[in-house]
Amino acid sequence: MALLDAATDAPPLGGPDLPQERRLVTELPGPRSAAILARKADAVPAGVGHTVPVAAVAAGGGVVVDADGNSLIDLGSGIAVTTVGNAHPKIAAAVAAQVAQFTHTCFMISPYESYIEVAEALNRLTPGDFDKKSALFNSGAEAVENAIKIARKHTGRSAVVAFDHGYHGRTNLTMALTAKSMPYKSGFGPFAPEVYRAPMSYPFRDGLTGAEAASRAISQMEKQIGADNLAAIIIEPIQGEGGFIVPADGFLPALAEWCRANGVVFIADEVQTGFARTGHMFASEIFGVVPDLITTAKGIAGGLPLAAVTGRAEIMDASHAGGLGGTYGGNPIACAAALAAIDVFENDGVIERAQQIGAILTERLTVLQSKDPRIGDVRGHGAMIAAEFVNPETMAPDAPLTSAVAKAAIARGVIVLTCGTYGNVIRFLPPLSIGDDLLNEGLNVIAEALAAA
């Protein structure tokens, strides 16, 4: 029994009953975590890295507890996965009940109702007042790949456009769609063909209006690819790994209108932005955009692996029978978790909670920015907020400062994640179950780490 609570020698229970406090009883990593991480180094490839030097044994509310009994404030949610909170009671109960019934039949062999119920919920919840259908998969990258397959089949065209700073996954096709080389693409090519890149709206760095940025992107697509050759464009309404880049107003609607006029499928990648994360059920709603297809994962099932493609029924039906699917896609345990999570999203006030968290994050970080010009930009929506760090004299990205602040915060018991094409953004993705006191304490640690950097 390696994973034990240091105080009791018994695994602590997770969920909302876990004490909501930052508590450091050892330096990080403590001896038990260090021993487990040493085993990781021996057993797991070096390419599978980790950000926080602890071995987790429990999580819930706004904290993660490690094998040494340290309790860390969680401002990352496992990269926006545990949105409703880790070990949420409704999800835990639904999973336990499903495990006792059956764990797998493969939906393509013996269908089951929970898969259909998840599809019905997604068809109802996603933007757009038209007939929709949904297919379930295992991961965000898998959903993106299938969205591209569906768009190509529907249009009979091959070319696909992704955008600067975008991130869509680590499989071969999604690496081609992803903009950033290190660590996601370097040395792993050749990549899937017929993938092109267009410039993103990045107001902090390009100074363009949404209309200007859209015109630039459309001109490039028309000249370098041609609308008649283009099956789809795929874009994150708010870019995640690229730096939580919020496009200028009008950018996304202009792209969507151009797609409609030219028979191009508009795919919104809402793997990170979906399910209340931005203070809306889906970020597309913020910009008044109705995608033809939408990809979801991460927060969909409270930590269990599930993903989906949802879209216009006539597009989703383009594939021949057997063309979509996968052995584990829409696993019944994950579907049970998703139905419980969707119940929480719809009925437990978490969208409003995301807005409250966003207000706290934005206010605190904006005040900090007013006192420290090394914070060049604060941006985002809901519980998806970022601070971009710069050299105040040149506004050049300051990745070393960003890394130093993040490492100092983690050492003091606050889990934060960096991102951005230039590695100079700290992103805040707290679970929506975090309390105000804990959130503010985490931000205090960030401020102290920045002052000391």
Protein backbone atom coordinates (compact mmCIF):
# COMPACT_ATOMS: atom_id res chain seq x y z
CA MET A 1 0.00 0.00 0.00
CA ALA A 2 2.13 2.87 -1.26
CA LEU A 3 -0.58 5.53 -1.58
CA LEU A 4 -1.47 6.35 2.03
CA ASP A 5 -2.36 9.41 4.02
CA ALA A 6 0.70 10.38 6.05
CA ALA A 7 -1.28 11.05 9.20
CA THR A 8 -3.50 7.95 9.28
CA ASP A 9 -1.73 5.37 7.08
CA ALA A 10 -5.08 4.92 5.30
CA PRO A 11 -6.09 6.28 1.90
CA PRO A 12 -8.03 9.51 2.46
CA LEU A 13 -11.51 9.81 1.03
CA GLY A 14 -11.89 12.28 -1.81
CA GLY A 15 -14.84 14.36 -2.89
CA PRO A 16 -16.37 17.47 -1.35
CA ASP A 17 -15.88 16.20 2.23
CA LEU A 18 -12.11 16.42 1.89
CA PRO A 19 -10.79 19.23 4.15
CA GLN A 20 -10.61 22.36 2.02
CA GLU A 21 -7.25 23.73 2.99
CA ARG A 22 -3.74 24.29 1.68
CA ARG A 23 -1.51 22.20 3.90
CA LEU A 24 2.18 21.43 3.45
CA VAL A 25 3.61 18.89 5.87
CA THR A 26 6.70 18.21 3.74
CA GLU A 27 8.61 19.90 0.98
CA LEU A 28 7.44 18.76 -2.46
CA PRO A 29 7.95 16.01 -3.24
CA GLY A 30 7.65 14.38 0.14
CA PRO A 31 9.32 11.00 0.72
CA ARG A 32 6.35 8.88 -0.31
CA SER A 33 5.71 10.89 -3.46
CA ALA A 34 9.42 10.85 -4.25
CA ALA A 35 9.48 7.06 -4.00
CA ILE A 36 6.48 6.76 -6.30
CA LEU A 37 7.95 9.19 -8.81
CA ALA A 38 11.17 7.17 -8.79
CA ARG A 39 9.12 4.12 -9.75
CA LYS A 40 7.50 6.20 -12.50
CA ALA A 41 10.95 7.04 -13.88
CA ASP A 42 11.80 3.34 -14.02
CA ALA A 43 8.49 2.10 -15.44
CA VAL A 44 7.07 4.93 -17.59
CA PRO A 45 8.70 6.47 -20.69
CA ALA A 46 10.43 9.80 -20.27
CA GLY A 47 8.05 11.30 -22.83
CA VAL A 48 5.22 11.04 -20.31
CA GLY A 49 6.11 14.04 -18.18
CA HIS A 50 4.41 15.61 -15.18
CA THR A 51 3.99 19.16 -13.92
CA VAL A 52 3.53 18.77 -10.17
CA PRO A 53 6.04 16.62 -8.19
CA VAL A 54 3.49 14.72 -6.12
CA ALA A 55 1.64 11.41 -6.23
CA ALA A 56 -2.07 12.13 -5.80
CA VAL A 57 -4.18 9.94 -3.52
CA ALA A 58 -7.38 11.97 -3.15
CA ALA A 59 -9.05 15.08 -4.55
CA GLY A 60 -12.27 16.99 -4.14
CA GLY A 61 -13.68 20.48 -3.84
CA GLY A 62 -10.68 22.67 -4.63
CA VAL A 63 -7.81 20.50 -3.38
CA VAL A 64 -5.59 17.57 -4.33
CA VAL A 65 -3.99 15.50 -1.55
CA ASP A 66 -0.72 13.66 -2.08
CA ALA A 67 0.78 10.49 -0.65
CA ASP A 68 2.55 12.44 2.10
CA GLY A 69 -0.58 14.20 3.33
CA ASN A 70 0.11 17.51 1.62
CA SER A 71 -3.05 19.29 0.45
CA LEU A 72 -2.61 21.48 -2.64
CA ILE A 73 -5.01 24.09 -4.00
CA ASP A 74 -6.15 22.91 -7.42
CA LEU A 75 -6.27 25.66 -10.07
CA GLY A 76 -5.94 23.23 -12.98
CA SER A 77 -8.78 20.66 -12.73
CA GLY A 78 -6.64 18.07 -14.50
CA ILE A 79 -6.57 20.43 -17.52
CA ALA A 80 -10.27 21.41 -17.33
CA VAL A 81 -11.57 17.88 -16.77
CA THR A 82 -12.90 17.84 -13.20
CA THR A 83 -15.07 20.89 -13.80
CA VAL A 84 -17.86 19.81 -11.44
CA GLY A 85 -15.30 18.78 -8.81
CA ASN A 86 -13.32 15.61 -8.26
CA ALA A 87 -15.21 12.54 -7.01
CA HIS A 88 -18.53 14.40 -7.23
CA PRO A 89 -21.12 12.39 -5.28
CA LYS A 90 -23.60 12.17 -8.16
CA ILE A 91 -20.92 10.93 -10.53
CA ALA A 92 -19.45 8.49 -8.01
CA ALA A 93 -22.88 7.00 -7.34
CA ALA A 94 -23.73 6.71 -11.05
CA VAL A 95 -20.41 5.03 -11.82
CA ALA A 96 -20.76 2.56 -8.95
CA ALA A 97 -24.27 1.62 -10.05
CA GLN A 98 -23.19 1.08 -13.66
CA VAL A 99 -20.14 -1.00 -12.71
CA ALA A 100 -22.48 -3.35 -10.87
CA GLN A 101 -24.67 -3.74 -13.98
CA PHE A 102 -22.11 -4.21 -16.79
CA THR A 103 -18.83 -2.62 -17.77
CA HIS A 104 -18.78 -3.15 -21.54
CA THR A 105 -20.60 -4.69 -24.46
CA CYS A 106 -19.34 -2.41 -27.27
CA PHE A 107 -22.11 -0.15 -28.50
CA MET A 108 -21.52 -1.35 -32.06
CA ILE A 109 -22.31 -4.91 -30.95
CA SER A 110 -25.02 -4.62 -28.29
CA PRO A 111 -26.28 -1.02 -27.93
CA TYR A 112 -27.40 0.33 -24.56
CA GLU A 113 -29.64 3.20 -23.55
CA SER A 114 -27.12 5.38 -21.70
CA TYR A 115 -25.14 6.05 -24.91
CA ILE A 116 -28.35 7.17 -26.58
CA GLU A 117 -29.27 9.33 -23.58
CA VAL A 118 -25.89 11.09 -23.73
CA ALA A 119 -26.36 11.69 -27.47
CA GLU A 120 -29.86 13.07 -26.87
CA ALA A 121 -28.55 15.41 -24.17
CA LEU A 122 -25.75 16.69 -26.41
CA ASN A 123 -28.16 17.21 -29.29
CA ARG A 124 -30.33 19.29 -26.97
CA LEU A 125 -27.61 21.28 -25.21
CA THR A 126 -25.26 22.26 -28.04
CA PRO A 127 -25.89 25.48 -29.99
CA GLY A 128 -28.28 25.39 -32.93
CA ASP A 129 -32.01 24.94 -33.37
CA PHE A 130 -31.92 22.15 -35.96
CA ASP A 131 -31.87 18.37 -36.06
CA LYS A 132 -28.62 17.01 -34.64
CA LYS A 133 -26.95 13.69 -34.02
CA SER A 134 -24.00 12.71 -31.82
CA ALA A 135 -21.33 10.00 -31.91
CA LEU A 136 -19.28 9.14 -28.82
CA PHE A 137 -15.55 8.45 -28.61
CA ASN A 138 -12.78 8.25 -26.00
CA SER A 139 -10.72 11.45 -26.17
CA GLY A 140 -10.72 14.95 -27.55
CA ALA A 141 -8.21 14.03 -30.23
CA GLU A 142 -10.39 11.11 -31.31
CA ALA A 143 -13.42 13.40 -31.51
CA VAL A 144 -11.47 15.88 -33.64
CA GLU A 145 -10.27 13.13 -36.01
CA ASN A 146 -13.83 11.90 -36.47
CA ALA A 147 -15.17 15.40 -37.03
CA ILE A 148 -12.67 15.81 -39.86
CA LYS A 149 -13.63 12.40 -41.29
CA ILE A 150 -17.32 13.35 -41.22
CA ALA A 151 -16.71 16.74 -42.83
CA ARG A 152 -14.63 15.21 -45.62
CA LYS A 153 -17.22 12.54 -46.28
CA HIS A 154 -20.04 15.10 -46.33
CA THR A 155 -18.33 17.57 -48.65
CA GLY A 156 -16.30 15.22 -50.83
CA ARG A 157 -13.37 17.57 -50.29
CA SER A 158 -10.01 16.96 -48.60
CA ALA A 159 -8.46 20.20 -47.37
CA VAL A 160 -8.80 21.31 -43.74
CA VAL A 161 -7.79 24.60 -42.14
CA ALA A 162 -6.64 25.00 -38.54
CA PHE A 163 -5.41 28.21 -36.96
CA ASP A 164 -2.23 29.67 -35.52
CA HIS A 165 -1.79 28.86 -31.82
CA GLY A 166 -4.41 26.10 -32.01
CA TYR A 167 -4.16 22.79 -30.19
CA HIS A 168 -6.23 19.77 -31.22
CA GLY A 169 -4.41 16.67 -29.95
CA ARG A 170 -1.46 14.30 -30.17
CA THR A 171 -2.52 11.71 -32.76
CA ASN A 172 -1.12 11.95 -36.27
CA LEU A 173 -3.94 13.99 -37.79
CA THR A 174 -4.41 16.15 -34.72
CA MET A 175 -0.67 16.83 -34.51
CA ALA A 176 -0.94 18.16 -38.05
CA LEU A 177 -3.77 20.43 -36.90
CA THR A 178 -1.88 21.57 -33.80
CA ALA A 179 0.27 24.65 -34.29
CA LYS A 180 2.98 24.29 -31.64
CA SER A 181 5.95 22.07 -32.41
CA MET A 182 7.47 21.49 -28.96
CA PRO A 183 6.53 19.36 -27.19
CA TYR A 184 3.63 18.10 -29.29
CA LYS A 185 5.01 17.52 -32.80
CA SER A 186 8.78 17.71 -32.87
CA GLY A 187 10.31 14.54 -34.31
CA PHE A 188 6.99 12.74 -34.77
CA GLY A 189 6.34 13.44 -38.47
CA PRO A 190 5.50 13.07 -41.26
CA PHE A 191 2.01 14.32 -40.55
CA ALA A 192 -1.33 13.91 -42.27
CA PRO A 193 -1.59 15.83 -45.57
CA GLU A 194 -4.06 18.45 -46.76
CA VAL A 195 -3.92 20.39 -43.49
CA TYR A 196 -3.38 24.14 -43.80
CA ARG A 197 -2.99 26.95 -41.28
CA ALA A 198 -4.59 30.39 -41.19
CA PRO A 199 -3.83 33.36 -38.90
CA MET A 200 -5.79 33.60 -35.67
CA SER A 201 -7.25 36.74 -34.15
CA TYR A 202 -4.94 37.59 -31.22
CA PRO A 203 -5.98 41.10 -30.09
CA PHE A 204 -3.16 41.56 -27.58
CA ARG A 205 -0.52 40.94 -30.26
CA ASP A 206 -2.02 41.78 -33.65
CA GLY A 207 -4.13 44.84 -32.78
CA LEU A 208 -6.72 43.93 -35.43
CA THR A 209 -10.47 44.15 -35.17
CA GLY A 210 -12.42 40.95 -35.59
CA ALA A 211 -13.47 41.96 -39.09
CA GLU A 212 -9.88 42.75 -40.08
CA ALA A 213 -8.54 39.50 -38.67
CA ALA A 214 -11.28 37.49 -40.39
CA SER A 215 -10.62 39.19 -43.71
CA ARG A 216 -6.94 38.34 -43.40
CA ALA A 217 -7.68 34.68 -42.70
CA ILE A 218 -10.32 34.37 -45.42
CA SER A 219 -8.05 35.99 -48.00
CA GLN A 220 -5.30 33.52 -47.18
CA MET A 221 -7.68 30.55 -47.40
CA GLU A 222 -9.09 31.67 -50.72
CA LYS A 223 -5.68 32.33 -52.26
CA GLN A 224 -3.71 29.40 -50.91
CA ILE A 225 -6.35 26.65 -50.83
CA GLY A 226 -9.54 27.70 -52.60
CA ALA A 227 -12.96 27.35 -51.04
CA ASP A 228 -13.95 24.61 -53.49
CA ASN A 229 -11.19 22.39 -52.11
CA LEU A 230 -11.91 23.01 -48.45
CA ALA A 231 -13.88 20.48 -46.41
CA ALA A 232 -13.76 22.23 -43.05
CA ILE A 233 -12.17 24.77 -40.80
CA ILE A 234 -11.63 23.79 -37.16
CA ILE A 235 -11.14 26.36 -34.44
CA GLU A 236 -11.30 26.64 -30.67
CA PRO A 237 -13.70 29.50 -29.80
CA ILE A 238 -11.21 30.39 -27.06
CA GLN A 239 -7.87 28.75 -27.69
CA GLY A 240 -6.67 26.55 -24.84
CA GLU A 241 -3.07 25.37 -25.02
CA GLY A 242 -2.28 28.28 -27.36
CA GLY A 243 -2.69 30.74 -24.50
CA PHE A 244 -6.41 31.22 -23.77
CA ILE A 245 -6.57 33.57 -26.72
CA VAL A 246 -9.99 35.23 -26.99
CA PRO A 247 -10.62 36.36 -30.58
CA ALA A 248 -11.79 39.89 -31.28
CA ASP A 249 -15.53 40.41 -31.57
CA GLY A 250 -16.80 39.55 -35.02
CA PHE A 251 -13.96 37.22 -35.97
CA LEU A 252 -15.75 33.91 -35.45
CA PRO A 253 -19.11 35.02 -36.91
CA ALA A 254 -17.36 36.25 -40.06
CA LEU A 255 -15.60 32.90 -40.47
CA ALA A 256 -18.84 30.99 -39.89
CA GLU A 257 -20.68 33.14 -42.45
CA TRP A 258 -17.95 32.57 -45.03
CA CYS A 259 -18.12 28.83 -44.40
CA ARG A 260 -21.89 28.77 -44.91
CA ALA A 261 -21.57 30.74 -48.15
CA ASN A 262 -18.97 28.31 -49.51
CA GLY A 263 -20.23 24.93 -48.31
CA VAL A 264 -17.37 24.56 -45.82
CA VAL A 265 -18.09 22.75 -42.54
CA PHE A 266 -17.46 24.98 -39.52
CA ILE A 267 -16.12 22.83 -36.64
CA ALA A 268 -15.89 24.30 -33.13
CA ASP A 269 -13.39 22.44 -30.97
CA GLU A 270 -14.91 22.88 -27.51
CA VAL A 271 -12.93 20.12 -25.86
CA GLN A 272 -11.54 22.58 -23.28
CA THR A 273 -14.15 25.34 -23.43
CA GLY A 274 -17.25 23.16 -23.22
CA PHE A 275 -19.58 22.36 -20.34
CA ALA A 276 -19.84 25.53 -18.27
CA ARG A 277 -16.11 26.21 -18.19
CA THR A 278 -16.48 29.70 -19.70
CA GLY A 279 -19.63 30.66 -17.80
CA HIS A 280 -21.75 29.38 -20.68
CA MET A 281 -22.58 25.80 -21.49
CA PHE A 282 -20.45 26.22 -24.64
CA ALA A 283 -18.10 29.06 -25.56
CA SER A 284 -19.61 29.36 -29.04
CA GLU A 285 -22.60 31.00 -27.34
CA ILE A 286 -20.40 33.90 -26.19
CA PHE A 287 -19.68 34.86 -29.79
CA GLY A 288 -23.12 34.11 -31.26
CA VAL A 289 -21.73 31.28 -33.39
CA VAL A 290 -23.64 28.11 -34.29
CA PRO A 291 -21.16 25.44 -35.44
CA ASP A 292 -22.00 22.79 -37.99
CA LEU A 293 -20.06 20.29 -35.87
CA ILE A 294 -18.83 20.61 -32.29
CA THR A 295 -16.28 18.41 -30.53
CA THR A 296 -16.41 17.87 -26.78
CA ALA A 297 -14.50 15.90 -24.14
CA LYS A 298 -12.64 16.87 -20.91
CA GLY A 299 -15.42 18.12 -18.59
CA ILE A 300 -18.11 15.96 -20.20
CA ALA A 301 -17.92 13.05 -17.73
CA GLY A 302 -16.34 14.29 -14.52
CA GLY A 303 -12.98 12.63 -15.12
CA LEU A 304 -13.94 9.50 -17.05
CA PRO A 305 -12.72 9.19 -20.65
CA LEU A 306 -15.48 10.25 -23.02
CA ALA A 307 -15.71 12.51 -26.05
CA ALA A 308 -18.26 13.36 -28.69
CA VAL A 309 -18.92 14.86 -32.09
CA THR A 310 -22.31 16.57 -32.32
CA GLY A 311 -23.68 18.32 -35.35
CA ARG A 312 -26.21 18.81 -38.08
CA ALA A 313 -27.97 15.53 -38.72
CA GLU A 314 -27.43 15.68 -42.48
CA ILE A 315 -23.67 16.09 -41.97
CA MET A 316 -23.41 13.48 -39.22
CA ASP A 317 -25.30 10.98 -41.41
CA ALA A 318 -22.83 11.33 -44.29
CA SER A 319 -20.76 8.35 -43.20
CA HIS A 320 -21.61 4.83 -44.32
CA ALA A 321 -22.59 2.25 -41.68
CA GLY A 322 -19.52 1.10 -39.79
CA GLY A 323 -17.51 4.16 -40.75
CA LEU A 324 -17.72 5.64 -37.25
CA GLY A 325 -17.16 3.99 -33.91
CA GLY A 326 -14.54 2.26 -31.81
CA THR A 327 -14.32 -0.56 -29.32
CA TYR A 328 -14.55 1.64 -26.23
CA GLY A 329 -16.36 4.66 -27.67
CA GLY A 330 -19.26 5.60 -25.41
CA ASN A 331 -18.28 3.10 -22.73
CA PRO A 332 -21.30 2.53 -20.42
CA ILE A 333 -19.42 3.60 -17.27
CA ALA A 334 -18.31 6.84 -18.91
CA CYS A 335 -21.85 7.41 -20.20
CA ALA A 336 -23.26 6.98 -16.70
CA ALA A 337 -20.75 9.54 -15.44
CA ALA A 338 -21.62 11.92 -18.27
CA LEU A 339 -25.33 11.77 -17.54
CA ALA A 340 -24.64 12.56 -13.89
CA ALA A 341 -22.30 15.41 -14.85
CA ILE A 342 -24.84 16.86 -17.28
CA ASP A 343 -27.43 16.78 -14.48
CA VAL A 344 -25.03 18.83 -12.36
CA PHE A 345 -24.33 21.28 -15.19
CA GLU A 346 -28.01 21.85 -15.81
CA ASN A 347 -29.43 21.84 -12.29
CA ASP A 348 -26.78 22.67 -9.69
CA GLY A 349 -25.87 26.26 -10.61
CA VAL A 350 -22.39 25.54 -11.90
CA ILE A 351 -22.69 27.88 -14.90
CA GLU A 352 -23.40 30.73 -12.50
CA ARG A 353 -20.54 29.53 -10.30
CA ALA A 354 -18.17 29.68 -13.28
CA GLN A 355 -19.19 33.29 -13.81
CA GLN A 356 -18.54 34.10 -10.15
CA ILE A 357 -15.12 32.46 -10.28
CA GLY A 358 -14.33 34.35 -13.47
CA ALA A 359 -15.21 37.64 -11.81
CA ILE A 360 -12.88 36.90 -8.88
CA LEU A 361 -10.03 35.78 -11.13
CA THR A 362 -10.37 38.75 -13.49
CA GLU A 363 -10.59 41.33 -10.70
CA ARG A 364 -7.65 39.94 -8.75
CA LEU A 365 -5.43 39.54 -11.80
CA THR A 366 -6.36 42.96 -13.22
CA VAL A 367 -5.44 44.63 -9.93
CA LEU A 368 -2.16 42.73 -9.96
CA GLN A 369 -1.59 43.82 -13.57
CA SER A 370 -2.11 47.47 -12.64
CA LYS A 371 0.76 47.17 -10.16
CA ASP A 372 3.08 44.96 -12.20
CA PRO A 373 3.63 45.71 -15.91
CA ARG A 374 5.13 42.26 -16.41
CA ILE A 375 1.52 41.08 -16.73
CA GLY A 376 0.83 42.21 -20.26
CA ASP A 377 -2.70 40.87 -20.62
CA VAL A 378 -5.50 39.33 -18.57
CA ARG A 379 -8.16 37.58 -20.61
CA GLY A 380 -10.73 34.83 -20.73
CA HIS A 381 -14.29 34.02 -19.73
CA GLY A 382 -15.74 32.30 -16.69
CA ALA A 383 -13.41 29.87 -14.94
CA MET A 384 -11.03 29.95 -17.91
CA ILE A 385 -8.80 32.98 -17.32
CA ALA A 386 -5.17 33.62 -18.24
CA ALA A 387 -2.38 36.05 -17.49
CA GLU A 388 0.23 36.65 -20.19
CA PHE A 389 3.70 37.61 -18.93
CA VAL A 390 5.95 39.94 -20.91
CA ASN A 391 9.05 42.06 -20.80
CA PRO A 392 7.39 45.42 -20.03
CA GLU A 393 9.89 47.37 -22.12
CA THR A 394 9.47 45.38 -25.32
CA MET A 395 6.23 43.41 -24.69
CA ALA A 396 8.15 40.33 -25.80
CA PRO A 397 6.94 37.07 -24.22
CA ASP A 398 8.69 36.23 -20.94
CA ALA A 399 8.67 32.45 -20.66
CA PRO A 400 11.37 32.25 -17.92
CA LEU A 401 9.33 34.51 -15.63
CA THR A 402 6.19 32.47 -16.30
CA SER A 403 7.97 29.24 -15.48
CA ALA A 404 9.50 30.70 -12.32
CA VAL A 405 6.16 31.94 -11.02
CA ALA A 406 4.45 28.62 -11.72
CA LYS A 407 7.20 26.56 -10.10
CA ALA A 408 7.24 28.79 -7.02
CA ALA A 409 3.46 28.54 -6.66
CA ILE A 410 3.53 24.75 -6.99
CA ALA A 411 6.30 24.51 -4.38
CA ARG A 412 4.02 26.43 -2.02
CA GLY A 413 1.06 24.14 -2.63
CA VAL A 414 -0.87 25.73 -5.51
CA ILE A 415 -1.32 23.75 -8.72
CA VAL A 416 -1.12 26.06 -11.74
CA LEU A 417 -0.54 25.31 -15.40
CA THR A 418 1.38 27.24 -18.04
CA CYS A 419 0.48 27.42 -21.71
CA GLY A 420 0.86 29.59 -24.79
CA THR A 421 2.75 29.33 -28.04
CA TYR A 422 5.56 31.29 -26.41
CA GLY A 423 5.30 29.56 -23.03
CA ASN A 424 4.47 32.84 -21.29
CA VAL A 425 0.91 32.32 -20.06
CA ILE A 426 -0.40 31.01 -16.75
CA ARG A 427 -3.89 29.61 -17.13
CA PHE A 428 -6.44 29.34 -14.36
CA LEU A 429 -8.86 26.40 -14.61
CA PRO A 430 -10.16 25.80 -11.08
CA PRO A 431 -12.86 23.23 -10.44
CA LEU A 432 -16.21 24.96 -10.08
CA SER A 433 -16.50 23.34 -6.65
CA ILE A 434 -13.68 25.50 -5.24
CA GLY A 435 -14.62 27.96 -2.49
CA ASP A 436 -13.91 31.67 -2.66
CA ASP A 437 -11.52 31.57 0.31
CA LEU A 438 -9.42 28.82 -1.22
CA LEU A 439 -9.42 30.51 -4.63
CA ASN A 440 -8.28 33.80 -3.14
CA GLU A 441 -5.60 32.06 -1.11
CA GLY A 442 -4.27 30.47 -4.28
CA LEU A 443 -4.19 33.86 -5.98
CA ASN A 444 -2.34 35.32 -2.98
CA VAL A 445 0.35 32.70 -3.46
CA ILE A 446 0.57 33.54 -7.18
CA ALA A 447 0.98 37.23 -6.34
CA GLU A 448 3.70 36.49 -3.81
CA ALA A 449 5.50 34.23 -6.28
CA LEU A 450 5.39 36.97 -8.92
CA ALA A 451 6.71 39.58 -6.49
CA ALA A 452 9.60 37.29 -5.56
CA ALA A 453 10.46 36.26 -9.13
